[in-house]
Amino acid sequence: LDAEDYKPLTKDHYFFWDKSINRILLVDKENKVIFPKAYAEAGKSNSKEWYTLSGTIHLGEKPAVEGGTVEIASASDFITTVTDAIKMVGVDTMNLSDDVNMMGASHGSVSLNKDFTLDGGGKTLSNLVSTEYASVGTGDLYAGKKYGSALFGKIAAGKSVVIKDITFDGLVMGSYDIGITGILVGTINAGATLTLENVTFKNCTIYGQNKVGIIAGYVLGELILKNVRIENCVVNSAEGESGMIFG
């Protein structure tokens, strides 16, 4: 055991904390519990309550994109899609076909320079943890500073993003060193539109230096809310310009 980052010394194994039983589990890449053996039997632990202790999980093949649509049924599907080196090229619609537990894994922020729809189908995306950022400032007071920590770092001008029929549960985003942070979007650029329909945020926490909010950090364009609920969420700002909905 490498205690610094909780990395197992055996290849293709992972450590998880199971919140439901308050135990640390050693798991193989098929998500089978190897140790403690008392929890190896089906039903002894609850993978929906697993949190990775290394920040990574086993990744399978990237799901197929058909006609611009990709079906997401697991944390692996989600991560391999949004962290693709070419940033979701060809993906216009993302559908959740099952509840997706990110198990505490992280992802890199994505900037959307296209129209995009995230359709949850009434499902839940839970336990995503990310302190990644979309860009680093280059000029004057902004040089070297990080901006845009969120599920989507920014929405480009003239683009429309729709997120509907989904619950975000237990997402933790941002850092006190990063400006313009949100659970969903860092910056909604001027001329861009973000529409939320039937969306619930539960038990989410957002950290940021300034311009910090649950839905977005900085709103320059249009934000449309239709039946949106925010329950038991926390907004933490080091400097100011923060709010429960947007910074």
Protein backbone atom coordinates (compact mmCIF):
# COMPACT_ATOMS: atom_id res chain seq x y z
CA LEU A 1 0.00 0.00 0.00
CA ASP A 2 1.32 3.39 -1.01
CA ALA A 3 -0.25 5.41 1.79
CA GLU A 4 0.40 8.75 0.08
CA ASP A 5 -2.25 8.24 -2.59
CA TYR A 6 -3.93 5.00 -1.48
CA LYS A 7 -2.73 3.12 -4.55
CA PRO A 8 -2.78 -0.69 -4.30
CA LEU A 9 0.48 -2.38 -5.20
CA THR A 10 -1.41 -5.01 -7.20
CA LYS A 11 -2.26 -4.00 -10.77
CA ASP A 12 -5.92 -3.43 -11.68
CA HIS A 13 -7.03 -3.22 -8.07
CA TYR A 14 -8.61 -0.26 -6.31
CA PHE A 15 -9.47 0.88 -2.81
CA PHE A 16 -12.97 2.14 -2.04
CA TRP A 17 -14.68 3.31 1.11
CA ASP A 18 -18.19 1.88 1.41
CA LYS A 19 -20.19 4.50 3.27
CA SER A 20 -23.07 2.12 4.00
CA ILE A 21 -20.89 -0.20 6.11
CA ASN A 22 -18.03 2.22 6.92
CA ARG A 23 -15.38 -0.16 5.60
CA ILE A 24 -12.46 0.17 3.20
CA LEU A 25 -12.61 -2.47 0.46
CA LEU A 26 -9.99 -3.78 -1.95
CA VAL A 27 -11.74 -4.29 -5.31
CA ASP A 28 -10.63 -5.73 -8.65
CA LYS A 29 -11.36 -4.18 -12.05
CA GLU A 30 -14.60 -6.15 -12.29
CA ASN A 31 -15.74 -4.39 -9.08
CA LYS A 32 -15.52 -7.65 -7.12
CA VAL A 33 -14.54 -7.28 -3.47
CA ILE A 34 -11.26 -9.07 -2.78
CA PHE A 35 -10.73 -8.01 0.83
CA PRO A 36 -12.07 -8.12 3.50
CA LYS A 37 -13.46 -11.49 2.46
CA ALA A 38 -16.45 -11.02 4.76
CA TYR A 39 -17.81 -8.48 2.26
CA ALA A 40 -17.00 -10.46 -0.90
CA GLU A 41 -20.45 -12.04 -1.13
CA ALA A 42 -23.14 -10.28 -3.14
CA GLY A 43 -25.26 -8.02 -0.98
CA LYS A 44 -22.67 -7.63 1.77
CA SER A 45 -21.61 -4.21 0.47
CA ASN A 46 -23.33 -1.51 -1.56
CA SER A 47 -21.44 -0.28 -4.63
CA LYS A 48 -23.81 2.69 -4.90
CA GLU A 49 -22.20 3.94 -1.69
CA TRP A 50 -18.57 3.41 -2.79
CA TYR A 51 -16.10 6.29 -2.84
CA THR A 52 -12.72 5.85 -4.51
CA LEU A 53 -9.71 6.58 -2.30
CA SER A 54 -7.33 7.06 -5.22
CA GLY A 55 -9.38 9.46 -7.36
CA THR A 56 -9.48 6.98 -10.24
CA ILE A 57 -11.62 4.03 -11.23
CA HIS A 58 -11.26 1.29 -13.80
CA LEU A 59 -12.14 2.59 -17.26
CA GLY A 60 -13.61 0.35 -19.92
CA GLU A 61 -14.16 1.06 -23.59
CA LYS A 62 -15.62 4.42 -24.55
CA PRO A 63 -19.36 4.05 -25.30
CA ALA A 64 -20.39 4.28 -28.94
CA VAL A 65 -21.75 7.53 -30.35
CA GLU A 66 -24.66 7.07 -32.73
CA GLY A 67 -26.04 10.05 -34.62
CA GLY A 68 -24.48 12.43 -32.11
CA THR A 69 -26.03 10.62 -29.11
CA VAL A 70 -24.20 8.63 -26.45
CA GLU A 71 -25.79 6.43 -23.78
CA ILE A 72 -24.21 6.67 -20.31
CA ALA A 73 -24.75 3.79 -17.88
CA SER A 74 -21.65 3.91 -15.65
CA ALA A 75 -18.90 6.11 -14.26
CA SER A 76 -16.55 4.67 -16.86
CA ASP A 77 -18.92 5.66 -19.67
CA PHE A 78 -19.12 9.20 -18.32
CA ILE A 79 -15.39 9.73 -17.78
CA THR A 80 -14.25 8.23 -21.07
CA THR A 81 -16.76 10.44 -22.90
CA VAL A 82 -16.11 13.80 -21.24
CA THR A 83 -12.34 13.40 -20.90
CA ASP A 84 -11.81 12.32 -24.48
CA ALA A 85 -8.69 14.05 -25.84
CA ILE A 86 -10.84 15.84 -28.40
CA LYS A 87 -13.47 16.81 -25.84
CA MET A 88 -16.67 15.03 -26.86
CA VAL A 89 -16.34 15.72 -30.56
CA GLY A 90 -19.40 14.34 -32.33
CA VAL A 91 -21.41 14.17 -29.09
CA ASP A 92 -24.45 16.46 -29.15
CA THR A 93 -26.67 14.56 -26.72
CA MET A 94 -25.79 12.56 -23.62
CA ASN A 95 -28.49 10.31 -22.17
CA LEU A 96 -28.30 8.60 -18.78
CA SER A 97 -29.72 5.10 -19.15
CA ASP A 98 -29.11 4.27 -15.48
CA ASP A 99 -28.14 5.97 -12.22
CA VAL A 100 -24.44 6.82 -12.48
CA ASN A 101 -22.36 6.76 -9.29
CA MET A 102 -18.98 8.39 -9.92
CA MET A 103 -17.76 6.91 -6.61
CA GLY A 104 -15.66 9.99 -5.82
CA ALA A 105 -13.75 9.89 -9.10
CA SER A 106 -12.64 13.08 -10.83
CA HIS A 107 -12.74 14.41 -14.37
CA GLY A 108 -11.25 17.28 -16.32
CA SER A 109 -13.47 20.25 -17.06
CA VAL A 110 -14.90 20.48 -20.59
CA SER A 111 -15.69 23.68 -22.48
CA LEU A 112 -18.71 23.49 -24.77
CA ASN A 113 -18.35 25.19 -28.13
CA LYS A 114 -21.52 23.61 -29.52
CA ASP A 115 -25.18 23.07 -28.75
CA PHE A 116 -25.52 20.23 -26.27
CA THR A 117 -28.20 18.33 -24.33
CA LEU A 118 -27.76 16.27 -21.17
CA ASP A 119 -30.91 14.20 -20.67
CA GLY A 120 -30.98 12.41 -17.34
CA GLY A 121 -34.15 10.46 -18.08
CA GLY A 122 -35.11 10.83 -14.42
CA LYS A 123 -31.81 9.25 -13.28
CA THR A 124 -29.18 10.45 -10.79
CA LEU A 125 -25.53 11.41 -11.34
CA SER A 126 -23.82 11.19 -7.96
CA ASN A 127 -20.53 11.55 -6.11
CA LEU A 128 -18.44 13.29 -8.78
CA VAL A 129 -15.42 15.07 -7.30
CA SER A 130 -13.42 17.51 -9.42
CA THR A 131 -10.87 20.22 -8.74
CA GLU A 132 -9.87 20.53 -12.39
CA TYR A 133 -10.00 23.79 -14.30
CA ALA A 134 -10.69 24.78 -17.89
CA SER A 135 -8.15 27.55 -18.46
CA VAL A 136 -5.31 29.60 -17.00
CA GLY A 137 -5.27 33.38 -17.34
CA THR A 138 -2.43 35.02 -19.25
CA GLY A 139 -2.74 38.79 -18.88
CA ASP A 140 -2.21 41.37 -16.15
CA LEU A 141 -3.79 40.43 -12.81
CA TYR A 142 -5.10 37.17 -14.28
CA ALA A 143 -1.76 35.74 -15.34
CA GLY A 144 -1.24 32.20 -14.05
CA LYS A 145 -4.58 32.07 -12.26
CA LYS A 146 -7.04 29.23 -12.78
CA TYR A 147 -10.61 29.73 -13.96
CA GLY A 148 -13.68 27.71 -14.79
CA SER A 149 -13.88 24.67 -12.50
CA ALA A 150 -17.20 22.93 -13.18
CA LEU A 151 -18.77 20.01 -14.97
CA PHE A 152 -18.54 22.29 -18.02
CA GLY A 153 -15.91 25.02 -17.81
CA LYS A 154 -17.80 27.42 -20.06
CA ILE A 155 -20.51 27.65 -22.70
CA ALA A 156 -19.35 29.54 -25.78
CA ALA A 157 -21.19 32.55 -27.20
CA GLY A 158 -24.12 31.67 -29.42
CA LYS A 159 -24.41 28.12 -28.09
CA SER A 160 -27.38 26.58 -26.29
CA VAL A 161 -27.09 23.90 -23.60
CA VAL A 162 -30.07 22.04 -22.14
CA ILE A 163 -29.85 19.90 -18.99
CA LYS A 164 -33.06 18.14 -18.04
CA ASP A 165 -34.70 15.43 -15.96
CA ILE A 166 -31.71 14.70 -13.74
CA THR A 167 -30.65 14.77 -10.09
CA PHE A 168 -27.09 15.74 -9.13
CA ASP A 169 -26.35 14.22 -5.72
CA GLY A 170 -23.18 14.63 -3.66
CA LEU A 171 -21.06 16.46 -6.25
CA VAL A 172 -18.01 18.32 -4.90
CA MET A 173 -16.33 20.82 -7.20
CA GLY A 174 -13.70 23.54 -7.21
CA SER A 175 -10.87 24.86 -5.07
CA TYR A 176 -10.26 28.01 -3.06
CA ASP A 177 -7.50 28.83 -5.59
CA ILE A 178 -9.86 28.80 -8.59
CA GLY A 179 -12.12 31.62 -9.74
CA ILE A 180 -15.46 31.31 -11.56
CA THR A 181 -16.65 27.94 -10.29
CA GLY A 182 -19.96 26.09 -10.33
CA ILE A 183 -21.32 22.58 -10.12
CA LEU A 184 -22.52 22.72 -13.73
CA VAL A 185 -20.84 25.64 -15.50
CA GLY A 186 -18.00 28.05 -14.80
CA THR A 187 -19.01 30.81 -17.25
CA ILE A 188 -22.12 31.19 -19.37
CA ASN A 189 -20.63 33.51 -21.99
CA ALA A 190 -22.49 36.47 -23.47
CA GLY A 191 -24.87 35.20 -26.13
CA ALA A 192 -24.91 31.67 -24.66
CA THR A 193 -27.97 30.03 -23.07
CA LEU A 194 -28.20 27.40 -20.34
CA THR A 195 -31.66 25.90 -19.75
CA LEU A 196 -32.39 23.61 -16.78
CA GLU A 197 -35.65 21.64 -16.76
CA ASN A 198 -36.64 19.34 -13.87
CA VAL A 199 -33.19 19.41 -12.28
CA THR A 200 -32.42 18.77 -8.60
CA PHE A 201 -29.16 19.45 -6.74
CA LYS A 202 -28.78 17.51 -3.48
CA ASN A 203 -25.90 17.45 -0.98
CA CYS A 204 -23.56 19.31 -3.38
CA THR A 205 -20.59 21.45 -2.32
CA ILE A 206 -18.81 24.08 -4.41
CA TYR A 207 -15.55 25.80 -3.47
CA GLY A 208 -14.07 28.84 -5.19
CA GLN A 209 -12.08 32.01 -4.89
CA ASN A 210 -14.76 34.31 -6.31
CA LYS A 211 -17.80 34.13 -8.61
CA VAL A 212 -19.06 30.90 -7.05
CA GLY A 213 -22.51 29.30 -7.34
CA ILE A 214 -24.21 25.92 -7.46
CA ILE A 215 -25.48 26.26 -11.04
CA ALA A 216 -22.86 28.63 -12.47
CA GLY A 217 -20.00 30.83 -11.40
CA TYR A 218 -20.44 33.72 -13.85
CA VAL A 219 -23.54 34.50 -15.91
CA LEU A 220 -22.98 36.80 -18.88
CA GLY A 221 -25.54 35.13 -21.12
CA GLU A 222 -28.97 33.70 -20.33
CA LEU A 223 -29.88 31.23 -17.57
CA ILE A 224 -33.38 29.70 -17.78
CA LEU A 225 -34.69 27.66 -14.83
CA LYS A 226 -37.78 25.46 -15.05
CA ASN A 227 -38.59 23.42 -11.94
CA VAL A 228 -35.12 23.49 -10.34
CA ARG A 229 -34.56 22.46 -6.72
CA ILE A 230 -31.47 23.00 -4.54
CA GLU A 231 -31.45 20.91 -1.35
CA ASN A 232 -28.82 20.78 1.39
CA CYS A 233 -26.07 22.35 -0.75
CA VAL A 234 -23.11 24.48 0.37
CA VAL A 235 -21.34 27.35 -1.39
CA ASN A 236 -17.88 28.33 -0.10
CA SER A 237 -16.07 31.43 -1.38
CA ALA A 238 -12.64 32.71 -0.34
CA GLU A 239 -13.21 36.29 -1.54
CA GLY A 240 -16.81 36.95 -2.47
CA GLU A 241 -19.28 37.25 -5.37
CA SER A 242 -20.98 34.04 -4.39
CA GLY A 243 -24.57 32.85 -4.31
CA MET A 244 -26.59 29.66 -4.02
CA ILE A 245 -27.69 29.84 -7.68
CA PHE A 246 -24.81 31.77 -9.32
CA GLY A 247 -21.88 33.95 -8.39
